[in-house]
């Protein structure tokens, strides 16, 4: 390489920083890149940057599970080295195994509950039937009553006094 190309390359690195490096891809086809730590023209240090280029996706189409958790941890710098395919496959099989165990334990628990209900060891859950709101004047009745439900006509302002602290101590 001639000195002119080396000078141009050094100038480009100083002005624009290094190129992105492809670190890996996942089973969905997403590509993961990093831009290494570098120094800019005025001497500012730019930290390492990690990012993903999703395959055929718009930003608003992201959903949970689009990126493997191992790659997400690498992007967020929770781990130093990028994950390997073997690690991702092993973790995925562990997740599936855990889902199956949870399903089995849940079914076993339902059977034990049913047996407890049948033998009378456990009370069955109460079934509540709500017919309205408790603040309604006709709560729990079939239809509203014509009788007044308030004593507002007999209320006299200033007639109620809170109990004094002396009287409560004497009791």
Protein backbone atom coordinates (compact mmCIF):
# COMPACT_ATOMS: atom_id res chain seq x y z
CA UNK A 1 0.00 0.00 0.00
CA UNK A 2 1.41 3.35 -0.95
CA UNK A 3 1.90 6.14 1.55
CA UNK A 4 -0.91 8.18 -0.06
CA UNK A 5 -3.45 5.39 0.52
CA UNK A 6 -2.22 4.99 4.10
CA UNK A 7 -2.59 8.73 4.67
CA UNK A 8 -6.11 8.73 3.21
CA UNK A 9 -7.08 5.73 5.32
CA UNK A 10 -5.71 7.37 8.47
CA UNK A 11 -7.56 10.60 7.62
CA UNK A 12 -10.82 8.72 7.04
CA UNK A 13 -10.44 6.87 10.35
CA UNK A 14 -9.76 10.18 12.12
CA UNK A 15 -12.77 11.90 10.54
CA UNK A 16 -15.41 9.15 10.36
CA UNK A 17 -14.19 6.45 12.72
CA UNK A 18 -13.69 2.78 11.94
CA UNK A 19 -16.03 0.66 9.87
CA UNK A 20 -18.59 -1.58 11.51
CA UNK A 21 -17.54 -5.19 12.08
CA UNK A 22 -19.97 -8.06 11.57
CA UNK A 23 -19.89 -10.04 14.81
CA UNK A 24 -22.49 -12.67 14.03
CA UNK A 25 -25.99 -13.59 12.95
CA UNK A 26 -28.78 -15.37 14.79
CA UNK A 27 -31.16 -18.13 13.69
CA UNK A 28 -33.66 -15.51 12.46
CA UNK A 29 -31.14 -13.88 10.09
CA UNK A 30 -30.57 -10.69 12.13
CA UNK A 31 -27.00 -9.36 11.81
CA UNK A 32 -25.09 -8.03 14.80
CA UNK A 33 -22.36 -5.43 14.42
CA UNK A 34 -19.90 -3.50 16.54
CA UNK A 35 -17.94 -0.31 15.99
CA UNK A 36 -14.79 -0.48 18.11
CA UNK A 37 -13.69 2.22 20.53
CA UNK A 38 -11.88 4.96 18.62
CA UNK A 39 -10.64 8.54 18.81
CA UNK A 40 -12.12 11.30 16.63
CA UNK A 41 -10.41 14.24 14.92
CA UNK A 42 -10.50 16.64 17.89
CA UNK A 43 -9.32 13.88 20.24
CA UNK A 44 -12.67 12.76 21.66
CA UNK A 45 -12.88 9.09 22.55
CA UNK A 46 -15.94 7.30 21.22
CA UNK A 47 -16.86 4.15 23.15
CA UNK A 48 -17.61 0.86 21.47
CA UNK A 49 -21.04 0.75 19.86
CA UNK A 50 -23.08 -2.40 19.28
CA UNK A 51 -26.19 -2.68 17.17
CA UNK A 52 -28.37 -5.03 15.16
CA UNK A 53 -29.65 -4.85 11.61
CA UNK A 54 -32.90 -6.81 11.64
CA UNK A 55 -33.95 -8.76 8.61
CA UNK A 56 -36.95 -7.27 6.77
CA UNK A 57 -38.29 -5.37 9.76
CA UNK A 58 -39.48 -1.83 10.41
CA UNK A 59 -38.88 -0.23 13.79
CA UNK A 60 -42.57 -0.41 14.73
CA UNK A 61 -42.74 -4.16 14.03
CA UNK A 62 -40.41 -5.27 16.85
CA UNK A 63 -41.88 -7.75 19.28
CA UNK A 64 -40.61 -9.54 22.34
CA UNK A 65 -38.64 -12.58 21.27
CA UNK A 66 -37.52 -11.21 17.89
CA UNK A 67 -33.93 -11.25 19.15
CA UNK A 68 -32.47 -14.05 21.25
CA UNK A 69 -31.88 -12.99 24.85
CA UNK A 70 -28.17 -13.82 24.55
CA UNK A 71 -27.73 -11.37 21.68
CA UNK A 72 -29.82 -8.76 23.46
CA UNK A 73 -27.55 -9.07 26.51
CA UNK A 74 -24.52 -8.60 24.25
CA UNK A 75 -26.00 -5.48 22.60
CA UNK A 76 -26.79 -3.96 26.01
CA UNK A 77 -23.21 -4.77 27.11
CA UNK A 78 -24.35 -7.13 29.85
CA UNK A 79 -21.88 -9.64 28.50
CA UNK A 80 -18.44 -9.11 27.03
CA UNK A 81 -18.33 -11.70 24.25
CA UNK A 82 -21.01 -12.42 21.66
CA UNK A 83 -22.94 -15.67 22.11
CA UNK A 84 -22.20 -18.80 20.13
CA UNK A 85 -24.77 -20.82 18.21
CA UNK A 86 -24.22 -23.77 20.57
CA UNK A 87 -24.94 -21.57 23.60
CA UNK A 88 -28.14 -20.21 22.06
CA UNK A 89 -29.39 -23.71 21.12
CA UNK A 90 -28.55 -25.08 24.58
CA UNK A 91 -30.42 -22.22 26.30
CA UNK A 92 -33.40 -22.67 23.97
CA UNK A 93 -33.63 -26.38 24.81
CA UNK A 94 -33.39 -25.51 28.54
CA UNK A 95 -36.28 -23.04 28.13
CA UNK A 96 -38.43 -25.66 26.39
CA UNK A 97 -37.61 -28.20 29.10
CA UNK A 98 -38.57 -25.67 31.79
CA UNK A 99 -41.89 -24.94 30.04
CA UNK A 100 -42.68 -28.67 30.02
CA UNK A 101 -41.82 -29.01 33.71
CA UNK A 102 -44.05 -26.04 34.57
CA UNK A 103 -46.90 -27.59 32.60
CA UNK A 104 -46.46 -30.94 34.38
CA UNK A 105 -46.36 -29.34 37.84
CA UNK A 106 -49.42 -27.24 37.04
CA UNK A 107 -51.40 -30.31 35.96
CA UNK A 108 -50.31 -32.22 39.07
CA UNK A 109 -51.37 -29.28 41.27
CA UNK A 110 -54.81 -29.16 39.63
CA UNK A 111 -55.27 -32.89 40.27
CA UNK A 112 -54.27 -32.49 43.93
CA UNK A 113 -56.71 -29.59 44.34
CA UNK A 114 -59.53 -31.62 42.78
CA UNK A 115 -58.73 -34.52 45.10
CA UNK A 116 -58.73 -32.15 48.11
CA UNK A 117 -62.13 -30.76 47.10
CA UNK A 118 -63.51 -34.27 46.61
CA UNK A 119 -62.29 -35.50 50.01
CA UNK A 120 -63.43 -32.34 51.76
CA UNK A 121 -59.95 -31.38 52.89
CA UNK A 122 -60.06 -28.07 51.07
CA UNK A 123 -63.05 -25.75 50.85
CA UNK A 124 -64.14 -25.00 47.34
CA UNK A 125 -63.83 -21.40 46.27
CA UNK A 126 -66.96 -19.35 46.88
CA UNK A 127 -68.86 -18.19 43.85
CA UNK A 128 -70.08 -14.63 44.31
CA UNK A 129 -72.95 -13.22 42.32
CA UNK A 130 -72.92 -9.43 42.16
CA UNK A 131 -76.18 -7.74 41.21
CA UNK A 132 -75.10 -4.12 41.23
CA UNK A 133 -72.86 -1.63 42.89
CA UNK A 134 -72.77 -1.37 46.68
CA UNK A 135 -73.24 2.41 46.60
CA UNK A 136 -76.53 2.13 44.75
CA UNK A 137 -79.60 2.62 47.02
CA UNK A 138 -81.16 -0.58 45.69
CA UNK A 139 -78.07 -2.81 45.93
CA UNK A 140 -79.03 -6.46 46.24
CA UNK A 141 -82.75 -5.80 45.67
CA UNK A 142 -84.66 -6.69 42.58
CA UNK A 143 -85.93 -3.15 41.97
CA UNK A 144 -85.43 0.23 43.62
CA UNK A 145 -87.53 0.99 46.69
CA UNK A 146 -89.80 4.02 46.89
CA UNK A 147 -88.90 4.53 50.57
CA UNK A 148 -86.30 7.19 51.31
CA UNK A 149 -82.90 5.72 52.02
CA UNK A 150 -81.38 8.86 53.51
CA UNK A 151 -81.98 10.85 56.68
CA UNK A 152 -80.91 14.10 55.07
CA UNK A 153 -84.19 15.82 56.08
CA UNK A 154 -83.50 15.26 59.79
CA UNK A 155 -79.84 16.34 59.76
CA UNK A 156 -79.05 19.48 61.77
CA UNK A 157 -75.73 21.23 61.06
CA UNK A 158 -73.55 21.49 64.15
CA UNK A 159 -75.51 18.88 66.11
CA UNK A 160 -72.76 16.25 66.02
CA UNK A 161 -69.67 16.77 68.12
CA UNK A 162 -66.67 14.44 68.08
CA UNK A 163 -66.00 12.74 71.38
CA UNK A 164 -63.55 14.68 73.50
CA UNK A 165 -60.27 13.13 74.46
CA UNK A 166 -61.21 13.31 78.17
CA UNK A 167 -64.29 11.16 77.77
CA UNK A 168 -62.44 8.52 75.78
CA UNK A 169 -59.79 8.20 78.47
CA UNK A 170 -62.34 7.70 81.24
CA UNK A 171 -63.90 4.68 79.56
